[in-house]
C-alpha atoms as a PDB file:
ATOM      1  CA  MET A   1       0.875 -32.737  11.436  1.00  0.00           C
ATOM      2  CA  LYS A   2       0.519 -29.332  10.081  1.00  0.00           C
ATOM      3  CA  GLN A   3      -3.104 -29.172  11.475  1.00  0.00           C
ATOM      4  CA  ILE A   4      -1.966 -30.463  15.015  1.00  0.00           C
ATOM      5  CA  ILE A   5       0.443 -27.481  15.220  1.00  0.00           C
ATOM      6  CA  ALA A   6      -2.051 -24.970  14.137  1.00  0.00           C
ATOM      7  CA  PHE A   7      -4.397 -25.953  16.458  1.00  0.00           C
ATOM      8  CA  ILE A   8      -1.876 -26.009  19.456  1.00  0.00           C
ATOM      9  CA  LEU A   9      -0.641 -22.504  18.355  1.00  0.00           C
ATOM     10  CA  SER A  10      -4.289 -21.490  18.092  1.00  0.00           C
ATOM     11  CA  LEU A  11      -4.684 -22.355  21.611  1.00  0.00           C
ATOM     12  CA  LEU A  12      -1.604 -20.530  22.913  1.00  0.00           C
ATOM     13  CA  LEU A  13      -2.361 -17.357  21.183  1.00  0.00           C
ATOM     14  CA  LEU A  14      -5.836 -17.392  22.339  1.00  0.00           C
ATOM     15  CA  THR A  15      -4.855 -17.615  25.706  1.00  0.00           C
ATOM     16  CA  THR A  16      -2.390 -14.914  25.498  1.00  0.00           C
ATOM     17  CA  ALA A  17      -5.133 -12.759  23.765  1.00  0.00           C
ATOM     18  CA  LEU A  18      -7.514 -13.342  26.768  1.00  0.00           C
ATOM     19  CA  ILE A  19      -4.997 -12.734  29.414  1.00  0.00           C
ATOM     20  CA  GLY A  20      -3.794  -9.472  27.542  1.00  0.00           C
ATOM     21  CA  CYS A  21      -7.075  -7.681  26.853  1.00  0.00           C
ATOM     22  CA  ASN A  22     -10.705  -7.507  28.267  1.00  0.00           C
ATOM     23  CA  LYS A  23     -12.330  -7.027  24.783  1.00  0.00           C
ATOM     24  CA  PRO A  24     -11.850  -8.060  21.154  1.00  0.00           C
ATOM     25  CA  ASN A  25      -9.536  -6.136  19.008  1.00  0.00           C
ATOM     26  CA  ASP A  26     -11.343  -3.319  17.246  1.00  0.00           C
ATOM     27  CA  THR A  27      -8.974  -3.556  14.212  1.00  0.00           C
ATOM     28  CA  SER A  28      -9.272  -7.217  13.632  1.00  0.00           C
ATOM     29  CA  THR A  29     -10.594  -8.035  10.210  1.00  0.00           C
ATOM     30  CA  GLU A  30     -12.668 -10.678   8.517  1.00  0.00           C
ATOM     31  CA  ASN A  31      -9.871 -11.722   5.813  1.00  0.00           C
ATOM     32  CA  THR A  32     -10.702 -12.541   2.421  1.00  0.00           C
ATOM     33  CA  GLN A  33      -9.504 -16.349   1.486  1.00  0.00           C
ATOM     34  CA  VAL A  34      -9.922 -17.925  -1.817  1.00  0.00           C
ATOM     35  CA  GLY A  35     -11.041 -21.572  -2.694  1.00  0.00           C
ATOM     36  CA  HIS A  36     -11.491 -23.028   0.805  1.00  0.00           C
ATOM     37  CA  ILE A  37     -13.737 -23.367   3.875  1.00  0.00           C
ATOM     38  CA  PRO A  38     -11.802 -21.354   6.785  1.00  0.00           C
ATOM     39  CA  GLY A  39     -10.647 -23.761   9.204  1.00  0.00           C
ATOM     40  CA  SER A  40     -11.429 -26.876   7.240  1.00  0.00           C
ATOM     41  CA  THR A  41      -8.909 -29.735   6.559  1.00  0.00           C
ATOM     42  CA  GLU A  42      -8.768 -28.670   3.262  1.00  0.00           C
ATOM     43  CA  ASP A  43      -6.741 -25.567   4.227  1.00  0.00           C
ATOM     44  CA  PHE A  44      -3.977 -27.639   5.301  1.00  0.00           C
ATOM     45  CA  ALA A  45      -3.649 -29.678   2.272  1.00  0.00           C
ATOM     46  CA  LYS A  46      -3.179 -26.731   0.168  1.00  0.00           C
ATOM     47  CA  LEU A  47      -0.004 -24.455  -0.060  1.00  0.00           C
ATOM     48  CA  GLY A  48      -0.939 -21.370   1.985  1.00  0.00           C
ATOM     49  CA  ILE A  49      -0.149 -17.756   0.836  1.00  0.00           C
ATOM     50  CA  VAL A  50      -0.711 -14.681   2.988  1.00  0.00           C
ATOM     51  CA  CYS A  51      -0.536 -11.171   1.539  1.00  0.00           C
ATOM     52  CA  THR A  52      -0.785  -8.256   3.780  1.00  0.00           C
ATOM     53  CA  ILE A  53      -2.405  -5.647   1.310  1.00  0.00           C
ATOM     54  CA  PHE A  54      -4.425  -5.705  -1.827  1.00  0.00           C
ATOM     55  CA  PRO A  55      -1.875  -5.169  -4.693  1.00  0.00           C
ATOM     56  CA  GLN A  56       0.184  -7.993  -3.339  1.00  0.00           C
ATOM     57  CA  TYR A  57      -2.934 -10.458  -3.263  1.00  0.00           C
ATOM     58  CA  ASP A  58      -4.019  -9.214  -6.832  1.00  0.00           C
ATOM     59  CA  TRP A  59      -0.598  -9.901  -8.205  1.00  0.00           C
ATOM     60  CA  VAL A  60      -0.469 -13.243  -6.882  1.00  0.00           C
ATOM     61  CA  ARG A  61      -3.961 -14.142  -8.340  1.00  0.00           C
ATOM     62  CA  GLU A  62      -2.639 -12.959 -12.018  1.00  0.00           C
ATOM     63  CA  ILE A  63       0.360 -15.133 -11.535  1.00  0.00           C
ATOM     64  CA  LEU A  64      -1.348 -18.229 -10.250  1.00  0.00           C
ATOM     65  CA  GLY A  65      -4.226 -17.774 -12.824  1.00  0.00           C
ATOM     66  CA  GLU A  66      -5.750 -20.808 -13.486  1.00  0.00           C
ATOM     67  CA  ARG A  67      -3.972 -22.661 -10.385  1.00  0.00           C
ATOM     68  CA  LEU A  68      -5.502 -20.028  -8.067  1.00  0.00           C
ATOM     69  CA  THR A  69      -7.959 -22.861  -6.616  1.00  0.00           C
ATOM     70  CA  ALA A  70      -5.000 -24.914  -5.812  1.00  0.00           C
ATOM     71  CA  PHE A  71      -3.856 -22.586  -3.162  1.00  0.00           C
ATOM     72  CA  ASP A  72      -5.231 -21.138   0.031  1.00  0.00           C
ATOM     73  CA  LEU A  73      -4.705 -17.431  -0.719  1.00  0.00           C
ATOM     74  CA  THR A  74      -5.318 -14.861   2.320  1.00  0.00           C
ATOM     75  CA  LEU A  75      -5.678 -10.983   2.135  1.00  0.00           C
ATOM     76  CA  LEU A  76      -5.381  -9.700   5.628  1.00  0.00           C
ATOM     77  CA  LEU A  77      -6.428  -5.923   5.186  1.00  0.00           C
ATOM     78  CA  THR A  78      -9.707  -6.059   4.071  1.00  0.00           C
ATOM     79  CA  ASN A  79     -12.867  -3.960   5.492  1.00  0.00           C
ATOM     80  CA  ARG A  80     -11.337  -0.623   4.492  1.00  0.00           C
ATOM     81  CA  ILE A  81      -8.735  -0.876   7.257  1.00  0.00           C
ATOM     82  CA  ASP A  82      -5.393   0.628   5.669  1.00  0.00           C
ATOM     83  CA  LEU A  83      -1.709  -0.264   6.320  1.00  0.00           C
ATOM     84  CA  HIS A  84      -1.346   2.448   9.042  1.00  0.00           C
ATOM     85  CA  ASN A  85      -3.953   1.269  11.241  1.00  0.00           C
ATOM     86  CA  TYR A  86      -3.926  -2.439  11.186  1.00  0.00           C
ATOM     87  CA  GLN A  87      -3.233  -5.044  13.901  1.00  0.00           C
ATOM     88  CA  PRO A  88      -3.416  -8.596  13.321  1.00  0.00           C
ATOM     89  CA  SER A  89      -5.905 -10.701  14.991  1.00  0.00           C
ATOM     90  CA  VAL A  90      -5.243 -14.058  16.523  1.00  0.00           C
ATOM     91  CA  ASP A  91      -6.579 -15.748  13.690  1.00  0.00           C
ATOM     92  CA  ASP A  92      -4.043 -13.710  11.364  1.00  0.00           C
ATOM     93  CA  ILE A  93      -1.040 -14.640  13.530  1.00  0.00           C
ATOM     94  CA  ILE A  94      -2.074 -18.357  13.196  1.00  0.00           C
ATOM     95  CA  ARG A  95      -2.352 -18.128   9.270  1.00  0.00           C
ATOM     96  CA  ILE A  96       0.746 -16.261   8.858  1.00  0.00           C
ATOM     97  CA  SER A  97       2.421 -19.004  11.252  1.00  0.00           C
ATOM     98  CA  THR A  98       1.644 -21.698   9.188  1.00  0.00           C
ATOM     99  CA  CYS A  99       1.710 -20.314   5.516  1.00  0.00           C
ATOM    100  CA  ASP A 100       4.242 -21.263   2.813  1.00  0.00           C
ATOM    101  CA  LEU A 101       4.421 -17.850   1.417  1.00  0.00           C
ATOM    102  CA  PHE A 102       4.254 -14.496   3.366  1.00  0.00           C
ATOM    103  CA  ILE A 103       4.252 -11.289   1.283  1.00  0.00           C
ATOM    104  CA  TYR A 104       4.297  -7.899   3.361  1.00  0.00           C
ATOM    105  CA  VAL A 105       5.212  -4.434   2.927  1.00  0.00           C
ATOM    106  CA  GLY A 106       8.000  -4.143   5.529  1.00  0.00           C
ATOM    107  CA  GLY A 107       7.851  -0.609   6.644  1.00  0.00           C
ATOM    108  CA  GLU A 108       7.136   1.091  10.084  1.00  0.00           C
ATOM    109  CA  SER A 109       3.367   0.133   9.701  1.00  0.00           C
ATOM    110  CA  ASP A 110       4.789  -3.799   9.775  1.00  0.00           C
ATOM    111  CA  LYS A 111       6.398  -3.655  12.994  1.00  0.00           C
ATOM    112  CA  TRP A 112       4.014  -6.437  14.102  1.00  0.00           C
ATOM    113  CA  VAL A 113       5.466  -8.522  11.399  1.00  0.00           C
ATOM    114  CA  GLU A 114       8.565  -9.505  13.262  1.00  0.00           C
ATOM    115  CA  ASN A 115       6.534 -11.074  16.425  1.00  0.00           C
ATOM    116  CA  ALA A 116       4.427 -12.831  13.900  1.00  0.00           C
ATOM    117  CA  LEU A 117       7.346 -14.598  12.249  1.00  0.00           C
ATOM    118  CA  ARG A 118       8.951 -15.558  15.512  1.00  0.00           C
ATOM    119  CA  GLN A 119       5.670 -17.774  15.837  1.00  0.00           C
ATOM    120  CA  ALA A 120       6.060 -19.386  12.705  1.00  0.00           C
ATOM    121  CA  VAL A 121       6.058 -23.147  12.810  1.00  0.00           C
ATOM    122  CA  ASN A 122       6.757 -23.682   8.900  1.00  0.00           C
ATOM    123  CA  PRO A 123      10.466 -23.704   8.785  1.00  0.00           C
ATOM    124  CA  ASP A 124      10.479 -23.524   4.828  1.00  0.00           C
ATOM    125  CA  MET A 125       8.012 -20.538   4.702  1.00  0.00           C
ATOM    126  CA  ILE A 126       9.176 -17.801   1.818  1.00  0.00           C
ATOM    127  CA  VAL A 127       9.042 -14.518   3.207  1.00  0.00           C
ATOM    128  CA  ILE A 128       9.025 -11.682   0.752  1.00  0.00           C
ATOM    129  CA  ASN A 129       9.331  -8.066   2.186  1.00  0.00           C
ATOM    130  CA  LEU A 130       9.054  -5.423  -0.468  1.00  0.00           C
ATOM    131  CA  LEU A 131      11.147  -2.684   0.861  1.00  0.00           C
ATOM    132  CA  SER A 132      13.855  -5.107   1.154  1.00  0.00           C
ATOM    133  CA  ALA A 133      13.284  -6.355  -2.340  1.00  0.00           C
ATOM    134  CA  LEU A 134      13.847  -2.820  -3.715  1.00  0.00           C
ATOM    135  CA  GLY A 135      16.972  -2.075  -2.044  1.00  0.00           C
ATOM    136  CA  ASP A 136      18.789   1.094  -2.457  1.00  0.00           C
ATOM    137  CA  ASP A 137      15.310   2.038  -4.566  1.00  0.00           C
ATOM    138  CA  VAL A 138      13.448   2.623  -1.252  1.00  0.00           C
ATOM    139  CA  LYS A 139      12.760   6.461  -0.822  1.00  0.00           C
ATOM    140  CA  LEU A 140      12.487   8.416   2.626  1.00  0.00           C
ATOM    141  CA  ASP A 141       8.810   9.517   3.405  1.00  0.00           C
ATOM    142  CA  GLU A 142      10.232  13.255   2.944  1.00  0.00           C
ATOM    143  CA  ILE A 143       8.710  16.549   4.357  1.00  0.00           C
ATOM    144  CA  ILE A 144       8.575  19.149   1.565  1.00  0.00           C
ATOM    145  CA  GLU A 145       7.891  22.815   1.574  1.00  0.00           C
ATOM    146  CA  GLY A 146       4.520  23.499   2.636  1.00  0.00           C
ATOM    147  CA  MET A 147       3.682  20.225   4.563  1.00  0.00           C
ATOM    148  CA  GLU A 148       2.727  20.139   8.263  1.00  0.00           C
ATOM    149  CA  HIS A 149       5.645  20.626  10.491  1.00  0.00           C
ATOM    150  CA  ALA A 150       7.956  21.836   7.559  1.00  0.00           C
ATOM    151  CA  HIS A 151       8.148  25.357   9.051  1.00  0.00           C
ATOM    152  CA  ASP A 152       9.294  23.783  12.336  1.00  0.00           C
ATOM    153  CA  LEU A 153      12.017  22.072  10.695  1.00  0.00           C
ATOM    154  CA  GLU A 154      13.213  25.263   8.935  1.00  0.00           C
ATOM    155  CA  GLU A 155      13.258  27.089  11.998  1.00  0.00           C
ATOM    156  CA  GLU A 156      15.351  24.132  13.794  1.00  0.00           C
ATOM    157  CA  GLY A 157      17.573  24.156  10.543  1.00  0.00           C
ATOM    158  CA  GLU A 158      18.654  27.755  11.394  1.00  0.00           C
ATOM    159  CA  HIS A 159      19.905  26.789  14.864  1.00  0.00           C
ATOM    160  CA  ASP A 160      21.515  23.067  14.001  1.00  0.00           C
ATOM    161  CA  ASP A 161      24.488  22.646  11.836  1.00  0.00           C
ATOM    162  CA  ASP A 162      23.746  18.835  11.752  1.00  0.00           C
ATOM    163  CA  ASP A 163      21.928  18.338   8.253  1.00  0.00           C
ATOM    164  CA  GLU A 164      21.652  14.564   9.091  1.00  0.00           C
ATOM    165  CA  HIS A 165      19.108  14.826  12.215  1.00  0.00           C
ATOM    166  CA  ASP A 166      16.052  15.359  10.091  1.00  0.00           C
ATOM    167  CA  GLU A 167      16.665  12.413   7.960  1.00  0.00           C
ATOM    168  CA  ASP A 168      17.141  10.192  11.081  1.00  0.00           C
ATOM    169  CA  GLU A 169      13.596  11.085  12.094  1.00  0.00           C
ATOM    170  CA  LEU A 170      12.079  10.058   8.768  1.00  0.00           C
ATOM    171  CA  GLU A 171      10.620   6.841   7.969  1.00  0.00           C
ATOM    172  CA  TYR A 172      10.951   4.792   4.775  1.00  0.00           C
ATOM    173  CA  ASP A 173       7.882   5.444   2.308  1.00  0.00           C
ATOM    174  CA  GLU A 174       6.049   2.419   2.147  1.00  0.00           C
ATOM    175  CA  HIS A 175       3.811   2.899  -0.798  1.00  0.00           C
ATOM    176  CA  VAL A 176       6.190   1.240  -3.403  1.00  0.00           C
ATOM    177  CA  TRP A 177       3.178  -0.586  -4.994  1.00  0.00           C
ATOM    178  CA  LEU A 178       2.113   2.600  -6.525  1.00  0.00           C
ATOM    179  CA  SER A 179       5.032   2.502  -9.140  1.00  0.00           C
ATOM    180  CA  LEU A 180       4.256   0.392 -12.112  1.00  0.00           C
ATOM    181  CA  LEU A 181       7.877   0.007 -12.649  1.00  0.00           C
ATOM    182  CA  HIS A 182       8.136  -1.508  -9.107  1.00  0.00           C
ATOM    183  CA  ALA A 183       5.029  -3.427  -9.556  1.00  0.00           C
ATOM    184  CA  GLN A 184       6.890  -5.511 -12.263  1.00  0.00           C
ATOM    185  CA  THR A 185       9.832  -6.213  -9.946  1.00  0.00           C
ATOM    186  CA  PHE A 186       7.658  -7.415  -7.245  1.00  0.00           C
ATOM    187  CA  CYS A 187       5.706  -9.609  -9.749  1.00  0.00           C
ATOM    188  CA  LYS A 188       8.872 -11.359 -11.058  1.00  0.00           C
ATOM    189  CA  ILE A 189       9.791 -12.091  -7.372  1.00  0.00           C
ATOM    190  CA  ILE A 190       6.468 -13.619  -6.483  1.00  0.00           C
ATOM    191  CA  ALA A 191       6.621 -15.551  -9.485  1.00  0.00           C
ATOM    192  CA  ALA A 192      10.129 -16.988  -8.546  1.00  0.00           C
ATOM    193  CA  ALA A 193       8.764 -18.105  -5.085  1.00  0.00           C
ATOM    194  CA  LEU A 194       5.639 -19.898  -6.688  1.00  0.00           C
ATOM    195  CA  VAL A 195       7.940 -21.645  -8.768  1.00  0.00           C
ATOM    196  CA  GLU A 196       9.938 -22.751  -5.798  1.00  0.00           C
ATOM    197  CA  LEU A 197       6.956 -23.684  -4.014  1.00  0.00           C
ATOM    198  CA  ASP A 198       5.298 -25.489  -7.113  1.00  0.00           C
ATOM    199  CA  GLU A 199       8.028 -26.361  -9.405  1.00  0.00           C
ATOM    200  CA  SER A 200       5.715 -28.784 -11.600  1.00  0.00           C
ATOM    201  CA  ASN A 201       3.856 -25.883 -12.577  1.00  0.00           C
ATOM    202  CA  ALA A 202       6.621 -23.423 -13.256  1.00  0.00           C
ATOM    203  CA  SER A 203       5.603 -22.865 -16.870  1.00  0.00           C
ATOM    204  CA  VAL A 204       1.992 -21.889 -15.920  1.00  0.00           C
ATOM    205  CA  TYR A 205       3.687 -19.151 -13.283  1.00  0.00           C
ATOM    206  CA  ASN A 206       6.203 -17.899 -15.768  1.00  0.00           C
ATOM    207  CA  SER A 207       3.949 -17.656 -18.615  1.00  0.00           C
ATOM    208  CA  ASN A 208       1.246 -15.688 -16.741  1.00  0.00           C
ATOM    209  CA  LEU A 209       4.062 -13.634 -15.314  1.00  0.00           C
ATOM    210  CA  LEU A 210       5.122 -12.631 -18.899  1.00  0.00           C
ATOM    211  CA  ALA A 211       1.642 -11.664 -19.877  1.00  0.00           C
ATOM    212  CA  TYR A 212       0.703  -9.564 -16.624  1.00  0.00           C
ATOM    213  CA  THR A 213       4.017  -7.797 -16.663  1.00  0.00           C
ATOM    214  CA  GLN A 214       3.405  -6.884 -20.167  1.00  0.00           C
ATOM    215  CA  LYS A 215       0.203  -5.170 -19.219  1.00  0.00           C
ATOM    216  CA  LEU A 216       1.986  -3.351 -16.593  1.00  0.00           C
ATOM    217  CA  SER A 217       4.610  -2.194 -18.902  1.00  0.00           C
ATOM    218  CA  GLU A 218       1.647  -0.930 -21.380  1.00  0.00           C
ATOM    219  CA  LEU A 219       0.182   0.719 -18.797  1.00  0.00           C
ATOM    220  CA  ASP A 220       3.315   2.465 -17.775  1.00  0.00           C
ATOM    221  CA  THR A 221       3.914   3.635 -21.301  1.00  0.00           C
ATOM    222  CA  ARG A 222       0.391   5.243 -21.246  1.00  0.00           C
ATOM    223  CA  TYR A 223       1.326   7.094 -18.173  1.00  0.00           C
ATOM    224  CA  ARG A 224       4.136   8.475 -19.632  1.00  0.00           C
ATOM    225  CA  THR A 225       2.759   9.560 -22.919  1.00  0.00           C
ATOM    226  CA  ALA A 226      -0.120  11.142 -21.000  1.00  0.00           C
ATOM    227  CA  ILE A 227       2.057  13.024 -18.704  1.00  0.00           C
ATOM    228  CA  ASN A 228       4.567  14.206 -21.322  1.00  0.00           C
ATOM    229  CA  GLU A 229       1.365  15.681 -23.365  1.00  0.00           C
ATOM    230  CA  ALA A 230      -0.144  17.166 -20.120  1.00  0.00           C
ATOM    231  CA  GLN A 231      -0.462  20.863 -19.714  1.00  0.00           C
ATOM    232  CA  LEU A 232       0.838  20.941 -15.984  1.00  0.00           C
ATOM    233  CA  ARG A 233       3.382  18.988 -14.269  1.00  0.00           C
ATOM    234  CA  THR A 234       2.243  19.683 -10.824  1.00  0.00           C
ATOM    235  CA  PHE A 235      -0.283  18.540  -8.613  1.00  0.00           C
ATOM    236  CA  LEU A 236      -1.448  19.589  -5.031  1.00  0.00           C
ATOM    237  CA  PHE A 237      -2.675  17.195  -2.146  1.00  0.00           C
ATOM    238  CA  ALA A 238      -4.792  18.470   0.413  1.00  0.00           C
ATOM    239  CA  ASP A 239      -4.180  14.976   2.284  1.00  0.00           C
ATOM    240  CA  ARG A 240      -1.357  12.663   3.019  1.00  0.00           C
ATOM    241  CA  PHE A 241       0.802  12.205  -0.113  1.00  0.00           C
ATOM    242  CA  PRO A 242       1.481   8.332  -0.876  1.00  0.00           C
ATOM    243  CA  PHE A 243       2.137   8.775  -4.422  1.00  0.00           C
ATOM    244  CA  ARG A 244       5.904   9.769  -4.275  1.00  0.00           C
ATOM    245  CA  TYR A 245       7.036   6.796  -6.143  1.00  0.00           C
ATOM    246  CA  LEU A 246       4.544   7.278  -8.965  1.00  0.00           C
ATOM    247  CA  ALA A 247       5.215  11.137  -9.077  1.00  0.00           C
ATOM    248  CA  ASP A 248       8.975  10.477  -9.401  1.00  0.00           C
ATOM    249  CA  ASP A 249       8.529   7.718 -12.047  1.00  0.00           C
ATOM    250  CA  TYR A 250       6.822  10.264 -14.176  1.00  0.00           C
ATOM    251  CA  GLY A 251       8.541  13.756 -13.132  1.00  0.00           C
ATOM    252  CA  ILE A 252       5.869  14.998 -11.554  1.00  0.00           C
ATOM    253  CA  SER A 253       6.125  17.792  -8.914  1.00  0.00           C
ATOM    254  CA  PHE A 254       3.643  17.957  -6.019  1.00  0.00           C
ATOM    255  CA  TYR A 255       2.520  19.828  -2.806  1.00  0.00           C
ATOM    256  CA  ALA A 256       0.970  18.143   0.056  1.00  0.00           C
ATOM    257  CA  ALA A 257      -0.605  18.698   3.527  1.00  0.00           C
ATOM    258  CA  PHE A 258       1.175  15.654   5.185  1.00  0.00           C
ATOM    259  CA  PRO A 259       4.064  13.095   4.177  1.00  0.00           C
ATOM    260  CA  GLY A 260       2.878   9.722   2.885  1.00  0.00           C
ATOM    261  CA  CYS A 261       2.917   7.778   6.249  1.00  0.00           C
ATOM    262  CA  SER A 262       1.644  10.447   8.616  1.00  0.00           C
ATOM    263  CA  ALA A 263      -1.045   9.825  10.959  1.00  0.00           C
ATOM    264  CA  GLU A 264      -2.149  13.293  11.082  1.00  0.00           C
ATOM    265  CA  THR A 265      -5.675  14.730   9.736  1.00  0.00           C
ATOM    266  CA  GLU A 266      -5.627  18.293  11.047  1.00  0.00           C
ATOM    267  CA  ALA A 267      -3.909  21.002   9.023  1.00  0.00           C
ATOM    268  CA  SER A 268      -2.458  24.337  10.575  1.00  0.00           C
ATOM    269  CA  PHE A 269      -3.488  27.582   9.288  1.00  0.00           C
ATOM    270  CA  GLU A 270       0.043  27.989   7.770  1.00  0.00           C
ATOM    271  CA  THR A 271      -0.192  24.842   5.938  1.00  0.00           C
ATOM    272  CA  ILE A 272      -3.571  25.795   4.604  1.00  0.00           C
ATOM    273  CA  VAL A 273      -2.516  29.374   3.524  1.00  0.00           C
ATOM    274  CA  PHE A 274       0.540  27.820   1.813  1.00  0.00           C
ATOM    275  CA  LEU A 275      -1.244  25.296  -0.363  1.00  0.00           C
ATOM    276  CA  SER A 276      -3.995  27.882  -1.317  1.00  0.00           C
ATOM    277  CA  GLU A 277      -1.466  30.033  -2.423  1.00  0.00           C
ATOM    278  CA  LYS A 278       0.230  27.485  -4.339  1.00  0.00           C
ATOM    279  CA  VAL A 279      -2.974  26.577  -6.004  1.00  0.00           C
ATOM    280  CA  ASP A 280      -3.436  30.276  -7.317  1.00  0.00           C
ATOM    281  CA  GLU A 281       0.183  30.527  -8.277  1.00  0.00           C
ATOM    282  CA  ALA A 282       0.133  27.278 -10.561  1.00  0.00           C
ATOM    283  CA  ASP A 283      -3.436  28.087 -11.711  1.00  0.00           C
ATOM    284  CA  LEU A 284      -4.537  24.665 -10.855  1.00  0.00           C
ATOM    285  CA  LYS A 285      -8.082  23.674 -11.617  1.00  0.00           C
ATOM    286  CA  CYS A 286      -8.031  20.677  -9.446  1.00  0.00           C
ATOM    287  CA  ILE A 287      -7.165  19.770  -5.864  1.00  0.00           C
ATOM    288  CA  MET A 288      -6.294  15.913  -5.062  1.00  0.00           C
ATOM    289  CA  VAL A 289      -7.073  13.829  -2.088  1.00  0.00           C
ATOM    290  CA  THR A 290      -6.773   9.972  -1.379  1.00  0.00           C
ATOM    291  CA  GLU A 291      -9.696   7.525  -1.247  1.00  0.00           C
ATOM    292  CA  SER A 292     -10.033   7.754   2.275  1.00  0.00           C
ATOM    293  CA  ALA A 293      -9.945  11.407   2.963  1.00  0.00           C
ATOM    294  CA  ASP A 294     -13.130  13.219   4.301  1.00  0.00           C
ATOM    295  CA  GLN A 295     -12.273  16.115   2.071  1.00  0.00           C
ATOM    296  CA  SER A 296     -12.567  18.891   4.748  1.00  0.00           C
ATOM    297  CA  ILE A 297      -8.964  20.179   4.057  1.00  0.00           C
ATOM    298  CA  ALA A 298      -9.602  20.312   0.500  1.00  0.00           C
ATOM    299  CA  ARG A 299     -12.691  22.030   0.910  1.00  0.00           C
ATOM    300  CA  THR A 300     -10.939  24.602   3.219  1.00  0.00           C
ATOM    301  CA  ILE A 301      -8.166  25.131   0.637  1.00  0.00           C
ATOM    302  CA  VAL A 302     -10.582  25.758  -2.175  1.00  0.00           C
ATOM    303  CA  SER A 303     -12.533  28.512   0.115  1.00  0.00           C
ATOM    304  CA  ASN A 304      -9.196  30.057   0.385  1.00  0.00           C
ATOM    305  CA  THR A 305      -8.227  30.581  -3.213  1.00  0.00           C
ATOM    306  CA  LYS A 306      -8.779  33.249  -5.346  1.00  0.00           C
ATOM    307  CA  ASP A 307     -11.411  31.702  -7.719  1.00  0.00           C
ATOM    308  CA  LYS A 308     -12.896  29.335  -4.938  1.00  0.00           C
ATOM    309  CA  ASN A 309     -14.191  26.864  -7.609  1.00  0.00           C
ATOM    310  CA  GLN A 310     -11.332  23.999  -7.881  1.00  0.00           C
ATOM    311  CA  SER A 311     -12.580  20.352  -8.414  1.00  0.00           C
ATOM    312  CA  ILE A 312     -11.551  17.863  -5.676  1.00  0.00           C
ATOM    313  CA  LEU A 313     -10.400  14.637  -7.628  1.00  0.00           C
ATOM    314  CA  VAL A 314      -9.758  11.272  -5.670  1.00  0.00           C
ATOM    315  CA  LEU A 315      -6.535   9.123  -6.503  1.00  0.00           C
ATOM    316  CA  ASN A 316      -6.703   5.896  -5.242  1.00  0.00           C
ATOM    317  CA  ALA A 317      -3.942   4.710  -3.264  1.00  0.00           C
ATOM    318  CA  MET A 318      -5.150   0.966  -2.678  1.00  0.00           C
ATOM    319  CA  GLN A 319      -4.870   1.369   0.995  1.00  0.00           C
ATOM    320  CA  SER A 320      -8.595   0.498   1.761  1.00  0.00           C
ATOM    321  CA  VAL A 321      -9.971  -1.831  -1.020  1.00  0.00           C
ATOM    322  CA  ASP A 322     -12.442  -4.217   0.479  1.00  0.00           C
ATOM    323  CA  SER A 323     -14.108  -7.552  -0.398  1.00  0.00           C
ATOM    324  CA  GLY A 324     -17.015  -5.536  -1.850  1.00  0.00           C
ATOM    325  CA  ASP A 325     -14.600  -3.790  -4.165  1.00  0.00           C
ATOM    326  CA  MET A 326     -13.136  -7.132  -5.352  1.00  0.00           C
ATOM    327  CA  GLN A 327     -16.504  -8.646  -5.878  1.00  0.00           C
ATOM    328  CA  SER A 328     -17.232  -5.534  -8.013  1.00  0.00           C
ATOM    329  CA  GLY A 329     -14.166  -6.714 -10.339  1.00  0.00           C
ATOM    330  CA  ALA A 330     -11.504  -4.293  -8.620  1.00  0.00           C
ATOM    331  CA  SER A 331      -7.977  -5.017  -9.764  1.00  0.00           C
ATOM    332  CA  TYR A 332      -4.526  -3.628  -9.518  1.00  0.00           C
ATOM    333  CA  LEU A 333      -4.565  -2.609 -13.224  1.00  0.00           C
ATOM    334  CA  SER A 334      -8.040  -1.318 -13.119  1.00  0.00           C
ATOM    335  CA  ILE A 335      -7.550   0.951 -10.102  1.00  0.00           C
ATOM    336  CA  MET A 336      -4.267   2.411 -11.763  1.00  0.00           C
ATOM    337  CA  GLU A 337      -6.093   2.672 -15.094  1.00  0.00           C
ATOM    338  CA  SER A 338      -8.691   4.904 -13.466  1.00  0.00           C
ATOM    339  CA  ASN A 339      -6.091   6.655 -11.639  1.00  0.00           C
ATOM    340  CA  LEU A 340      -4.457   7.617 -15.056  1.00  0.00           C
ATOM    341  CA  ASP A 341      -7.717   9.312 -15.919  1.00  0.00           C
ATOM    342  CA  VAL A 342      -7.846  11.261 -12.973  1.00  0.00           C
ATOM    343  CA  LEU A 343      -4.321  12.449 -13.371  1.00  0.00           C
ATOM    344  CA  LYS A 344      -5.232  13.535 -16.948  1.00  0.00           C
ATOM    345  CA  LYS A 345      -8.037  15.850 -15.602  1.00  0.00           C
ATOM    346  CA  ALA A 346      -5.620  16.953 -12.717  1.00  0.00           C
ATOM    347  CA  LEU A 347      -2.919  18.030 -15.134  1.00  0.00           C
ATOM    348  CA  THR A 348      -4.966  19.889 -17.488  1.00  0.00           C
END
């Protein structure tokens, strides 16, 4: 029955797609699935889990452990398309509509999810929204001093007595997976969902959860120790800044060209000058970028500093992990461990 429903839904969605456009969606992806042949009868015999981003996918893999091949596990965002640029394909919508567990971030970039869930044909689907799961711990994607448009907001503030209007224009910071503390919370929620779906194997999931969260806790301790021993407590991003949750966890201050959810890629003269001056004032030896940056802003900032010799370091926000990275052994823990090594250099 599930296969028939999915087939009918696929025809409906395909018809809609053909009417609504004249060419394929350029941002569709080849998804990563585990333990099945896409489109086979076997897909419908297994419990289906769909994750939008790599950290969720990897957490599920760790908690499933030896039970991994008993599930149809799908990662939507592959081929280096990040959360902010992703639009689901027809196949993606079909897979979501028939799955048993769907995990997504829940921010502004996931506005498409509401429509996808309206087309769900599984009334028992469990849905995990990471931002909703955090509740009051979710942070606004704030614009701080020196960021693009910060000067415009300051000028507006001089002529506006309403202090709340700026916050109303801001989005929630979606990058909650970059906190090791929040990762532990999310893993517990995921494990509870797996137990609900497959209660006969609850002991497996709870045991794997305990072992994995212990690793997350140990890495969190290593972060705290390294940062407490660091010479500096400030870093500077010549890029978007998706690491606010991480910075707040460990008391690190920061400057950046853009907020974490910004779509901008061009920095103004004022922003370049401000960040270059901050590099000199704090005597920073390194400038940071994310894995997707072209580093042109970073090079411009370096060229405008006094010494003009700062290193450019990459901190991985896990927004563009692809199937090749996973085949090479990339995991949430391995990437966060590599990020710790980068932070040690940046804060020295």
